[in-house]
Every structure is written in structure tokens, then in C-alpha cells.
């Protein structure tokens, strides 16, 4: 999973291709729980490029995008948001896969 470094990178990346932004934080216990399954999720959905977005580093972006719970996922295709799985609940591999599989491709 790539790590988002700047707001400019975010704005550029989402413009072309299919991407999933995972909003997370090092201190988040629910985020740590899903960490071991993320490589499997990324392999199963290789049509997407996955980015780790540190909630604390990009708090202004989170506010702008209405991402107030973590872990959360936003999906983009060619500059358009095509789906969001945003809440503060712990997520399972099945729930994450179901979210990604339900995106319009």
C-alpha cells in the first residue's frame, strides 16, 4: 500500500485510474486489526491502487471529505468518487471486500 505524502499528490492521483484511499491512524486499534488482511484485499482487487492516508497528518482533508471515523475507505475512478465506506466501526475482510466488489467499475 502506498502512503499519501501530500495533498497535491492526493489531488493528482485521483484524477486517473482506480484508487482506494484508506483513512487510518497509527493509534487506531480497529485499524490495526485489519492490517494483516489488507495485503489479501489488495491482491483480490488488484485493479485498484491502494493508498494509506494518515488521518492525523491530513485532518483538513478528512474534514473536507467528511471522513470522521476510521478506518474508512474512499474509492475513486478517473477523478470521480465512486464509493465510500466511512464510519468508525471495526471492519472485517468480508465487509471490505463486499464494499470494493460493489463499486461501479
PDB file of N, CA and C in Angstrom:
ATOM      1  N   UNK A   1       0.849  -1.174   0.000  1.00  0.00           N
ATOM      2  CA  UNK A   1       0.000   0.000   0.000  1.00  0.00           C
ATOM      3  C   UNK A   1       0.892   1.234   0.000  1.00  0.00           C
ATOM      4  N   UNK A   2       0.581   2.145  -0.908  1.00  0.00           N
ATOM      5  CA  UNK A   2       1.341   3.382  -0.964  1.00  0.00           C
ATOM      6  C   UNK A   2       0.866   4.315   0.146  1.00  0.00           C
ATOM      7  N   UNK A   3       1.749   5.216   0.547  1.00  0.00           N
ATOM      8  CA  UNK A   3       1.402   6.172   1.601  1.00  0.00           C
ATOM      9  C   UNK A   3       1.254   7.553   0.979  1.00  0.00           C
ATOM     10  N   UNK A   4       0.129   8.193   1.255  1.00  0.00           N
ATOM     11  CA  UNK A   4      -0.087   9.550   0.767  1.00  0.00           C
ATOM     12  C   UNK A   4       0.877  10.486   1.477  1.00  0.00           C
ATOM     13  N   UNK A   5       1.581  11.303   0.683  1.00  0.00           N
ATOM     14  CA  UNK A   5       2.590  12.203   1.241  1.00  0.00           C
ATOM     15  C   UNK A   5       2.120  13.652   1.301  1.00  0.00           C
ATOM     16  N   UNK A   6       1.319  14.082   0.306  1.00  0.00           N
ATOM     17  CA  UNK A   6       0.900  15.486   0.249  1.00  0.00           C
ATOM     18  C   UNK A   6      -0.532  15.587  -0.280  1.00  0.00           C
ATOM     19  N   UNK A   7      -1.165  16.717  -0.014  1.00  0.00           N
ATOM     20  CA  UNK A   7      -2.493  16.996  -0.569  1.00  0.00           C
ATOM     21  C   UNK A   7      -2.407  17.069  -2.092  1.00  0.00           C
ATOM     22  N   UNK A   8      -1.327  17.644  -2.594  1.00  0.00           N
ATOM     23  CA  UNK A   8      -1.141  17.760  -4.040  1.00  0.00           C
ATOM     24  C   UNK A   8      -1.102  16.371  -4.675  1.00  0.00           C
ATOM     25  N   UNK A   9      -0.419  15.438  -4.013  1.00  0.00           N
ATOM     26  CA  UNK A   9      -0.359  14.060  -4.514  1.00  0.00           C
ATOM     27  C   UNK A   9      -1.765  13.459  -4.561  1.00  0.00           C
ATOM     28  N   UNK A  10      -2.541  13.675  -3.514  1.00  0.00           N
ATOM     29  CA  UNK A  10      -3.925  13.174  -3.478  1.00  0.00           C
ATOM     30  C   UNK A  10      -4.707  13.698  -4.676  1.00  0.00           C
ATOM     31  N   UNK A  11      -4.654  15.012  -4.891  1.00  0.00           N
ATOM     32  CA  UNK A  11      -5.421  15.626  -5.980  1.00  0.00           C
ATOM     33  C   UNK A  11      -4.990  15.109  -7.340  1.00  0.00           C
ATOM     34  N   UNK A  12      -3.699  14.852  -7.492  1.00  0.00           N
ATOM     35  CA  UNK A  12      -3.174  14.349  -8.761  1.00  0.00           C
ATOM     36  C   UNK A  12      -3.528  12.879  -8.962  1.00  0.00           C
ATOM     37  N   UNK A  13      -3.339  12.077  -7.936  1.00  0.00           N
ATOM     38  CA  UNK A  13      -3.538  10.628  -8.029  1.00  0.00           C
ATOM     39  C   UNK A  13      -4.968  10.271  -8.411  1.00  0.00           C
ATOM     40  N   UNK A  14      -5.943  10.922  -7.783  1.00  0.00           N
ATOM     41  CA  UNK A  14      -7.331  10.511  -8.012  1.00  0.00           C
ATOM     42  C   UNK A  14      -7.843  10.856  -9.412  1.00  0.00           C
ATOM     43  N   UNK A  15      -7.091  11.660 -10.161  1.00  0.00           N
ATOM     44  CA  UNK A  15      -7.568  12.105 -11.466  1.00  0.00           C
ATOM     45  C   UNK A  15      -7.612  11.004 -12.524  1.00  0.00           C
ATOM     46  N   UNK A  16      -6.712  10.040 -12.444  1.00  0.00           N
ATOM     47  CA  UNK A  16      -6.688   8.989 -13.459  1.00  0.00           C
ATOM     48  C   UNK A  16      -6.540   7.625 -12.804  1.00  0.00           C
ATOM     49  N   UNK A  17      -7.271   6.672 -13.328  1.00  0.00           N
ATOM     50  CA  UNK A  17      -7.198   5.313 -12.815  1.00  0.00           C
ATOM     51  C   UNK A  17      -8.176   5.080 -11.677  1.00  0.00           C
ATOM     52  N   UNK A  18      -8.036   3.907 -11.052  1.00  0.00           N
ATOM     53  CA  UNK A  18      -8.919   3.500  -9.964  1.00  0.00           C
ATOM     54  C   UNK A  18      -8.109   3.402  -8.675  1.00  0.00           C
ATOM     55  N   UNK A  19      -8.591   4.075  -7.647  1.00  0.00           N
ATOM     56  CA  UNK A  19      -7.844   4.151  -6.398  1.00  0.00           C
ATOM     57  C   UNK A  19      -8.765   3.981  -5.206  1.00  0.00           C
ATOM     58  N   UNK A  20      -8.215   3.390  -4.156  1.00  0.00           N
ATOM     59  CA  UNK A  20      -8.904   3.307  -2.881  1.00  0.00           C
ATOM     60  C   UNK A  20      -8.012   3.953  -1.838  1.00  0.00           C
ATOM     61  N   UNK A  21      -8.569   4.961  -1.184  1.00  0.00           N
ATOM     62  CA  UNK A  21      -7.869   5.658  -0.113  1.00  0.00           C
ATOM     63  C   UNK A  21      -8.356   5.088   1.212  1.00  0.00           C
ATOM     64  N   UNK A  22      -7.421   4.565   1.999  1.00  0.00           N
ATOM     65  CA  UNK A  22      -7.767   4.050   3.319  1.00  0.00           C
ATOM     66  C   UNK A  22      -7.329   5.079   4.350  1.00  0.00           C
ATOM     67  N   UNK A  23      -8.289   5.642   5.038  1.00  0.00           N
ATOM     68  CA  UNK A  23      -8.021   6.626   6.084  1.00  0.00           C
ATOM     69  C   UNK A  23      -7.832   5.875   7.395  1.00  0.00           C
ATOM     70  N   UNK A  24      -6.717   6.138   8.058  1.00  0.00           N
ATOM     71  CA  UNK A  24      -6.327   5.366   9.226  1.00  0.00           C
ATOM     72  C   UNK A  24      -5.442   6.218  10.126  1.00  0.00           C
ATOM     73  N   UNK A  25      -4.991   5.628  11.218  1.00  0.00           N
ATOM     74  CA  UNK A  25      -4.030   6.281  12.114  1.00  0.00           C
ATOM     75  C   UNK A  25      -3.297   5.205  12.896  1.00  0.00           C
ATOM     76  N   UNK A  26      -2.070   5.501  13.258  1.00  0.00           N
ATOM     77  CA  UNK A  26      -1.251   4.521  13.984  1.00  0.00           C
ATOM     78  C   UNK A  26      -1.844   4.140  15.333  1.00  0.00           C
ATOM     79  N   UNK A  27      -2.572   5.048  15.965  1.00  0.00           N
ATOM     80  CA  UNK A  27      -3.107   4.817  17.300  1.00  0.00           C
ATOM     81  C   UNK A  27      -4.461   4.094  17.293  1.00  0.00           C
ATOM     82  N   UNK A  28      -5.027   3.865  16.118  1.00  0.00           N
ATOM     83  CA  UNK A  28      -6.386   3.331  15.987  1.00  0.00           C
ATOM     84  C   UNK A  28      -6.401   1.805  16.121  1.00  0.00           C
ATOM     85  N   UNK A  29      -6.995   1.262  17.205  1.00  0.00           N
ATOM     86  CA  UNK A  29      -6.991  -0.195  17.393  1.00  0.00           C
ATOM     87  C   UNK A  29      -7.762  -0.940  16.306  1.00  0.00           C
ATOM     88  N   UNK A  30      -8.886  -0.388  15.827  1.00  0.00           N
ATOM     89  CA  UNK A  30      -9.647  -1.059  14.771  1.00  0.00           C
ATOM     90  C   UNK A  30      -8.881  -1.077  13.450  1.00  0.00           C
ATOM     91  N   UNK A  31      -8.045  -0.070  13.241  1.00  0.00           N
ATOM     92  CA  UNK A  31      -7.200  -0.026  12.045  1.00  0.00           C
ATOM     93  C   UNK A  31      -6.125  -1.105  12.112  1.00  0.00           C
ATOM     94  N   UNK A  32      -5.568  -1.310  13.301  1.00  0.00           N
ATOM     95  CA  UNK A  32      -4.523  -2.333  13.473  1.00  0.00           C
ATOM     96  C   UNK A  32      -5.094  -3.734  13.269  1.00  0.00           C
ATOM     97  N   UNK A  33      -6.352  -3.940  13.638  1.00  0.00           N
ATOM     98  CA  UNK A  33      -6.985  -5.247  13.498  1.00  0.00           C
ATOM     99  C   UNK A  33      -7.065  -5.666  12.027  1.00  0.00           C
ATOM    100  N   UNK A  34      -7.352  -4.718  11.125  1.00  0.00           N
ATOM    101  CA  UNK A  34      -7.487  -5.081   9.707  1.00  0.00           C
ATOM    102  C   UNK A  34      -6.154  -5.100   8.960  1.00  0.00           C
ATOM    103  N   UNK A  35      -5.106  -4.577   9.572  1.00  0.00           N
ATOM    104  CA  UNK A  35      -3.804  -4.520   8.910  1.00  0.00           C
ATOM    105  C   UNK A  35      -3.351  -5.858   8.315  1.00  0.00           C
ATOM    106  N   UNK A  36      -3.446  -6.976   9.052  1.00  0.00           N
ATOM    107  CA  UNK A  36      -2.960  -8.245   8.493  1.00  0.00           C
ATOM    108  C   UNK A  36      -3.725  -8.730   7.264  1.00  0.00           C
ATOM    109  N   UNK A  37      -4.978  -8.327   7.100  1.00  0.00           N
ATOM    110  CA  UNK A  37      -5.754  -8.814   5.958  1.00  0.00           C
ATOM    111  C   UNK A  37      -5.658  -7.890   4.740  1.00  0.00           C
ATOM    112  N   UNK A  38      -5.088  -6.713   4.905  1.00  0.00           N
ATOM    113  CA  UNK A  38      -5.034  -5.754   3.792  1.00  0.00           C
ATOM    114  C   UNK A  38      -4.258  -6.266   2.580  1.00  0.00           C
ATOM    115  N   UNK A  39      -3.124  -6.969   2.750  1.00  0.00           N
ATOM    116  CA  UNK A  39      -2.457  -7.499   1.553  1.00  0.00           C
ATOM    117  C   UNK A  39      -3.352  -8.443   0.741  1.00  0.00           C
ATOM    118  N   UNK A  40      -4.152  -9.254   1.419  1.00  0.00           N
ATOM    119  CA  UNK A  40      -5.075 -10.145   0.720  1.00  0.00           C
ATOM    120  C   UNK A  40      -6.137  -9.343  -0.025  1.00  0.00           C
ATOM    121  N   UNK A  41      -6.684  -8.333   0.624  1.00  0.00           N
ATOM    122  CA  UNK A  41      -7.699  -7.487  -0.006  1.00  0.00           C
ATOM    123  C   UNK A  41      -7.112  -6.812  -1.243  1.00  0.00           C
ATOM    124  N   UNK A  42      -5.895  -6.302  -1.132  1.00  0.00           N
ATOM    125  CA  UNK A  42      -5.264  -5.626  -2.268  1.00  0.00           C
ATOM    126  C   UNK A  42      -5.016  -6.600  -3.413  1.00  0.00           C
ATOM    127  N   UNK A  43      -4.617  -7.829  -3.110  1.00  0.00           N
ATOM    128  CA  UNK A  43      -4.411  -8.839  -4.156  1.00  0.00           C
ATOM    129  C   UNK A  43      -5.713  -9.209  -4.845  1.00  0.00           C
ATOM    130  N   UNK A  44      -6.791  -9.295  -4.081  1.00  0.00           N
ATOM    131  CA  UNK A  44      -8.085  -9.667  -4.640  1.00  0.00           C
ATOM    132  C   UNK A  44      -8.701  -8.545  -5.470  1.00  0.00           C
ATOM    133  N   UNK A  45      -8.228  -7.337  -5.286  1.00  0.00           N
ATOM    134  CA  UNK A  45      -8.773  -6.174  -6.003  1.00  0.00           C
ATOM    135  C   UNK A  45      -7.623  -5.389  -6.639  1.00  0.00           C
ATOM    136  N   UNK A  46      -6.824  -6.095  -7.419  1.00  0.00           N
ATOM    137  CA  UNK A  46      -5.607  -5.506  -7.981  1.00  0.00           C
ATOM    138  C   UNK A  46      -5.885  -4.450  -9.049  1.00  0.00           C
ATOM    139  N   UNK A  47      -7.147  -4.302  -9.444  1.00  0.00           N
ATOM    140  CA  UNK A  47      -7.480  -3.242 -10.401  1.00  0.00           C
ATOM    141  C   UNK A  47      -7.425  -1.861  -9.754  1.00  0.00           C
ATOM    142  N   UNK A  48      -7.317  -1.833  -8.429  1.00  0.00           N
ATOM    143  CA  UNK A  48      -7.220  -0.576  -7.683  1.00  0.00           C
ATOM    144  C   UNK A  48      -5.810  -0.385  -7.131  1.00  0.00           C
ATOM    145  N   UNK A  49      -5.397   0.877  -7.044  1.00  0.00           N
ATOM    146  CA  UNK A  49      -4.187   1.235  -6.335  1.00  0.00           C
ATOM    147  C   UNK A  49      -4.638   1.716  -4.952  1.00  0.00           C
ATOM    148  N   UNK A  50      -4.044   1.150  -3.920  1.00  0.00           N
ATOM    149  CA  UNK A  50      -4.437   1.465  -2.551  1.00  0.00           C
ATOM    150  C   UNK A  50      -3.459   2.467  -1.937  1.00  0.00           C
ATOM    151  N   UNK A  51      -4.014   3.445  -1.229  1.00  0.00           N
ATOM    152  CA  UNK A  51      -3.218   4.459  -0.548  1.00  0.00           C
ATOM    153  C   UNK A  51      -3.609   4.516   0.918  1.00  0.00           C
ATOM    154  N   UNK A  52      -2.616   4.613   1.768  1.00  0.00           N
ATOM    155  CA  UNK A  52      -2.804   4.830   3.195  1.00  0.00           C
ATOM    156  C   UNK A  52      -2.813   6.334   3.422  1.00  0.00           C
ATOM    157  N   UNK A  53      -3.882   6.842   4.026  1.00  0.00           N
ATOM    158  CA  UNK A  53      -3.985   8.268   4.337  1.00  0.00           C
ATOM    159  C   UNK A  53      -4.008   8.404   5.856  1.00  0.00           C
ATOM    160  N   UNK A  54      -2.960   9.001   6.403  1.00  0.00           N
ATOM    161  CA  UNK A  54      -2.864   9.194   7.846  1.00  0.00           C
ATOM    162  C   UNK A  54      -3.826  10.302   8.274  1.00  0.00           C
ATOM    163  N   UNK A  55      -4.829   9.921   9.045  1.00  0.00           N
ATOM    164  CA  UNK A  55      -5.870  10.852   9.471  1.00  0.00           C
ATOM    165  C   UNK A  55      -5.291  12.058  10.201  1.00  0.00           C
ATOM    166  N   UNK A  56      -4.286  11.842  11.033  1.00  0.00           N
ATOM    167  CA  UNK A  56      -3.712  12.938  11.808  1.00  0.00           C
ATOM    168  C   UNK A  56      -2.895  13.888  10.931  1.00  0.00           C
ATOM    169  N   UNK A  57      -2.217  13.346   9.942  1.00  0.00           N
ATOM    170  CA  UNK A  57      -1.415  14.165   9.041  1.00  0.00           C
ATOM    171  C   UNK A  57      -2.296  14.957   8.078  1.00  0.00           C
ATOM    172  N   UNK A  58      -3.454  14.384   7.719  1.00  0.00           N
ATOM    173  CA  UNK A  58      -4.327  15.010   6.724  1.00  0.00           C
ATOM    174  C   UNK A  58      -5.712  15.307   7.298  1.00  0.00           C
ATOM    175  N   UNK A  59      -5.745  15.878   8.493  1.00  0.00           N
ATOM    176  CA  UNK A  59      -7.014  16.155   9.165  1.00  0.00           C
ATOM    177  C   UNK A  59      -7.877  17.124   8.355  1.00  0.00           C
ATOM    178  N   UNK A  60      -7.271  18.101   7.700  1.00  0.00           N
ATOM    179  CA  UNK A  60      -8.048  19.049   6.889  1.00  0.00           C
ATOM    180  C   UNK A  60      -8.707  18.344   5.706  1.00  0.00           C
ATOM    181  N   UNK A  61      -8.010  17.414   5.097  1.00  0.00           N
ATOM    182  CA  UNK A  61      -8.580  16.634   4.000  1.00  0.00           C
ATOM    183  C   UNK A  61      -9.734  15.772   4.508  1.00  0.00           C
ATOM    184  N   UNK A  62      -9.566  15.187   5.675  1.00  0.00           N
ATOM    185  CA  UNK A  62     -10.646  14.380   6.272  1.00  0.00           C
ATOM    186  C   UNK A  62     -11.888  15.228   6.506  1.00  0.00           C
ATOM    187  N   UNK A  63     -11.706  16.434   7.004  1.00  0.00           N
ATOM    188  CA  UNK A  63     -12.841  17.337   7.228  1.00  0.00           C
ATOM    189  C   UNK A  63     -13.501  17.671   5.894  1.00  0.00           C
ATOM    190  N   UNK A  64     -12.689  17.998   4.908  1.00  0.00           N
ATOM    191  CA  UNK A  64     -13.201  18.348   3.579  1.00  0.00           C
ATOM    192  C   UNK A  64     -14.006  17.194   2.968  1.00  0.00           C
ATOM    193  N   UNK A  65     -13.558  15.965   3.213  1.00  0.00           N
ATOM    194  CA  UNK A  65     -14.210  14.792   2.623  1.00  0.00           C
ATOM    195  C   UNK A  65     -15.247  14.145   3.540  1.00  0.00           C
ATOM    196  N   UNK A  66     -15.498  14.747   4.697  1.00  0.00           N
ATOM    197  CA  UNK A  66     -16.446  14.191   5.677  1.00  0.00           C
ATOM    198  C   UNK A  66     -16.053  12.787   6.123  1.00  0.00           C
ATOM    199  N   UNK A  67     -14.773  12.596   6.399  1.00  0.00           N
ATOM    200  CA  UNK A  67     -14.275  11.332   6.928  1.00  0.00           C
ATOM    201  C   UNK A  67     -13.969  11.565   8.406  1.00  0.00           C
ATOM    202  N   UNK A  68     -14.904  11.187   9.264  1.00  0.00           N
ATOM    203  CA  UNK A  68     -14.743  11.441  10.691  1.00  0.00           C
ATOM    204  C   UNK A  68     -14.541  10.169  11.499  1.00  0.00           C
ATOM    205  N   UNK A  69     -14.701   9.017  10.894  1.00  0.00           N
ATOM    206  CA  UNK A  69     -14.442   7.758  11.569  1.00  0.00           C
ATOM    207  C   UNK A  69     -13.371   6.987  10.822  1.00  0.00           C
ATOM    208  N   UNK A  70     -12.577   6.220  11.547  1.00  0.00           N
ATOM    209  CA  UNK A  70     -11.554   5.396  10.905  1.00  0.00           C
ATOM    210  C   UNK A  70     -11.599   3.999  11.508  1.00  0.00           C
ATOM    211  N   UNK A  71     -11.208   2.993  10.762  1.00  0.00           N
ATOM    212  CA  UNK A  71     -10.741   3.034   9.373  1.00  0.00           C
ATOM    213  C   UNK A  71     -11.907   3.297   8.412  1.00  0.00           C
ATOM    214  N   UNK A  72     -11.622   4.056   7.373  1.00  0.00           N
ATOM    215  CA  UNK A  72     -12.612   4.354   6.348  1.00  0.00           C
ATOM    216  C   UNK A  72     -11.962   4.277   4.979  1.00  0.00           C
ATOM    217  N   UNK A  73     -12.794   4.028   3.979  1.00  0.00           N
ATOM    218  CA  UNK A  73     -12.311   3.835   2.612  1.00  0.00           C
ATOM    219  C   UNK A  73     -13.097   4.719   1.656  1.00  0.00           C
ATOM    220  N   UNK A  74     -12.391   5.421   0.765  1.00  0.00           N
ATOM    221  CA  UNK A  74     -12.997   6.169  -0.323  1.00  0.00           C
ATOM    222  C   UNK A  74     -12.433   5.624  -1.622  1.00  0.00           C
ATOM    223  N   UNK A  75     -13.311   5.405  -2.590  1.00  0.00           N
ATOM    224  CA  UNK A  75     -12.897   4.859  -3.883  1.00  0.00           C
ATOM    225  C   UNK A  75     -13.092   5.910  -4.970  1.00  0.00           C
ATOM    226  N   UNK A  76     -12.131   5.973  -5.883  1.00  0.00           N
ATOM    227  CA  UNK A  76     -12.155   6.935  -6.977  1.00  0.00           C
ATOM    228  C   UNK A  76     -11.880   6.236  -8.299  1.00  0.00           C
ATOM    229  N   UNK A  77     -12.511   6.771  -9.336  1.00  0.00           N
ATOM    230  CA  UNK A  77     -12.210   6.332 -10.703  1.00  0.00           C
ATOM    231  C   UNK A  77     -12.169   7.576 -11.578  1.00  0.00           C
ATOM    232  N   UNK A  78     -11.019   7.827 -12.159  1.00  0.00           N
ATOM    233  CA  UNK A  78     -10.823   8.947 -13.086  1.00  0.00           C
ATOM    234  C   UNK A  78     -11.378  10.267 -12.552  1.00  0.00           C
ATOM    235  N   UNK A  79     -11.036  10.576 -11.300  1.00  0.00           N
ATOM    236  CA  UNK A  79     -11.396  11.854 -10.712  1.00  0.00           C
ATOM    237  C   UNK A  79     -12.743  11.903 -10.021  1.00  0.00           C
ATOM    238  N   UNK A  80     -13.554  10.857 -10.155  1.00  0.00           N
ATOM    239  CA  UNK A  80     -14.878  10.825  -9.539  1.00  0.00           C
ATOM    240  C   UNK A  80     -14.876   9.894  -8.332  1.00  0.00           C
ATOM    241  N   UNK A  81     -15.511  10.313  -7.251  1.00  0.00           N
ATOM    242  CA  UNK A  81     -15.696   9.406  -6.126  1.00  0.00           C
ATOM    243  C   UNK A  81     -16.778   8.404  -6.520  1.00  0.00           C
ATOM    244  N   UNK A  82     -16.457   7.109  -6.466  1.00  0.00           N
ATOM    245  CA  UNK A  82     -17.419   6.086  -6.874  1.00  0.00           C
ATOM    246  C   UNK A  82     -17.959   5.282  -5.690  1.00  0.00           C
ATOM    247  N   UNK A  83     -17.435   5.553  -4.503  1.00  0.00           N
ATOM    248  CA  UNK A  83     -17.954   4.856  -3.340  1.00  0.00           C
ATOM    249  C   UNK A  83     -17.228   5.263  -2.081  1.00  0.00           C
ATOM    250  N   UNK A  84     -17.924   5.080  -0.941  1.00  0.00           N
ATOM    251  CA  UNK A  84     -17.308   5.379   0.349  1.00  0.00           C
ATOM    252  C   UNK A  84     -17.831   4.400   1.376  1.00  0.00           C
ATOM    253  N   UNK A  85     -16.916   3.972   2.203  1.00  0.00           N
ATOM    254  CA  UNK A  85     -17.243   3.108   3.342  1.00  0.00           C
ATOM    255  C   UNK A  85     -16.675   3.836   4.547  1.00  0.00           C
ATOM    256  N   UNK A  86     -17.456   4.772   5.060  1.00  0.00           N
ATOM    257  CA  UNK A  86     -16.975   5.697   6.075  1.00  0.00           C
ATOM    258  C   UNK A  86     -17.824   5.556   7.329  1.00  0.00           C
ATOM    259  N   UNK A  87     -17.192   5.090   8.380  1.00  0.00           N
ATOM    260  CA  UNK A  87     -17.788   5.067   9.713  1.00  0.00           C
ATOM    261  C   UNK A  87     -16.689   4.714  10.698  1.00  0.00           C
ATOM    262  N   UNK A  88     -17.014   4.693  11.960  1.00  0.00           N
ATOM    263  CA  UNK A  88     -15.994   4.422  12.973  1.00  0.00           C
ATOM    264  C   UNK A  88     -16.014   2.978  13.437  1.00  0.00           C
ATOM    265  N   UNK A  89     -16.782   2.127  12.769  1.00  0.00           N
ATOM    266  CA  UNK A  89     -16.912   0.735  13.175  1.00  0.00           C
ATOM    267  C   UNK A  89     -15.702  -0.087  12.740  1.00  0.00           C
ATOM    268  N   UNK A  90     -15.422  -1.136  13.494  1.00  0.00           N
ATOM    269  CA  UNK A  90     -14.413  -2.102  13.076  1.00  0.00           C
ATOM    270  C   UNK A  90     -14.939  -2.816  11.831  1.00  0.00           C
ATOM    271  N   UNK A  91     -14.056  -3.051  10.870  1.00  0.00           N
ATOM    272  CA  UNK A  91     -14.462  -3.665   9.614  1.00  0.00           C
ATOM    273  C   UNK A  91     -13.805  -5.035   9.458  1.00  0.00           C
ATOM    274  N   UNK A  92     -14.534  -5.958   8.855  1.00  0.00           N
ATOM    275  CA  UNK A  92     -13.993  -7.287   8.592  1.00  0.00           C
ATOM    276  C   UNK A  92     -13.501  -7.351   7.149  1.00  0.00           C
ATOM    277  N   UNK A  93     -12.734  -8.365   6.858  1.00  0.00           N
ATOM    278  CA  UNK A  93     -12.271  -8.578   5.482  1.00  0.00           C
ATOM    279  C   UNK A  93     -13.473  -8.718   4.552  1.00  0.00           C
ATOM    280  N   UNK A  94     -14.497  -9.449   4.999  1.00  0.00           N
ATOM    281  CA  UNK A  94     -15.682  -9.663   4.178  1.00  0.00           C
ATOM    282  C   UNK A  94     -16.392  -8.341   3.890  1.00  0.00           C
ATOM    283  N   UNK A  95     -16.503  -7.483   4.877  1.00  0.00           N
ATOM    284  CA  UNK A  95     -17.164  -6.189   4.671  1.00  0.00           C
ATOM    285  C   UNK A  95     -16.377  -5.314   3.701  1.00  0.00           C
ATOM    286  N   UNK A  96     -15.062  -5.311   3.835  1.00  0.00           N
ATOM    287  CA  UNK A  96     -14.222  -4.506   2.937  1.00  0.00           C
ATOM    288  C   UNK A  96     -14.324  -5.050   1.512  1.00  0.00           C
ATOM    289  N   UNK A  97     -14.243  -6.363   1.357  1.00  0.00           N
ATOM    290  CA  UNK A  97     -14.369  -6.979   0.032  1.00  0.00           C
ATOM    291  C   UNK A  97     -15.733  -6.697  -0.583  1.00  0.00           C
ATOM    292  N   UNK A  98     -16.771  -6.769   0.224  1.00  0.00           N
ATOM    293  CA  UNK A  98     -18.133  -6.503  -0.266  1.00  0.00           C
ATOM    294  C   UNK A  98     -18.241  -5.054  -0.745  1.00  0.00           C
ATOM    295  N   UNK A  99     -17.674  -4.127   0.006  1.00  0.00           N
ATOM    296  CA  UNK A  99     -17.672  -2.720  -0.408  1.00  0.00           C
ATOM    297  C   UNK A  99     -16.978  -2.558  -1.750  1.00  0.00           C
ATOM    298  N   UNK A 100     -15.769  -3.112  -1.887  1.00  0.00           N
ATOM    299  CA  UNK A 100     -14.996  -2.938  -3.121  1.00  0.00           C
ATOM    300  C   UNK A 100     -15.677  -3.645  -4.286  1.00  0.00           C
ATOM    301  N   UNK A 101     -16.188  -4.844  -4.062  1.00  0.00           N
ATOM    302  CA  UNK A 101     -16.863  -5.592  -5.141  1.00  0.00           C
ATOM    303  C   UNK A 101     -18.111  -4.878  -5.621  1.00  0.00           C
ATOM    304  N   UNK A 102     -18.750  -4.095  -4.765  1.00  0.00           N
ATOM    305  CA  UNK A 102     -19.966  -3.386  -5.137  1.00  0.00           C
ATOM    306  C   UNK A 102     -19.735  -2.064  -5.859  1.00  0.00           C
ATOM    307  N   UNK A 103     -18.480  -1.679  -6.034  1.00  0.00           N
ATOM    308  CA  UNK A 103     -18.188  -0.420  -6.723  1.00  0.00           C
ATOM    309  C   UNK A 103     -18.451  -0.561  -8.206  1.00  0.00           C
ATOM    310  N   UNK A 104     -18.926   0.522  -8.818  1.00  0.00           N
ATOM    311  CA  UNK A 104     -19.117   0.502 -10.271  1.00  0.00           C
ATOM    312  C   UNK A 104     -17.754   0.639 -10.941  1.00  0.00           C
ATOM    313  N   UNK A 105     -17.464  -0.297 -11.794  1.00  0.00           N
ATOM    314  CA  UNK A 105     -16.144  -0.328 -12.444  1.00  0.00           C
ATOM    315  C   UNK A 105     -16.179   0.273 -13.813  1.00  0.00           C
TER     316      UNK A 105
END
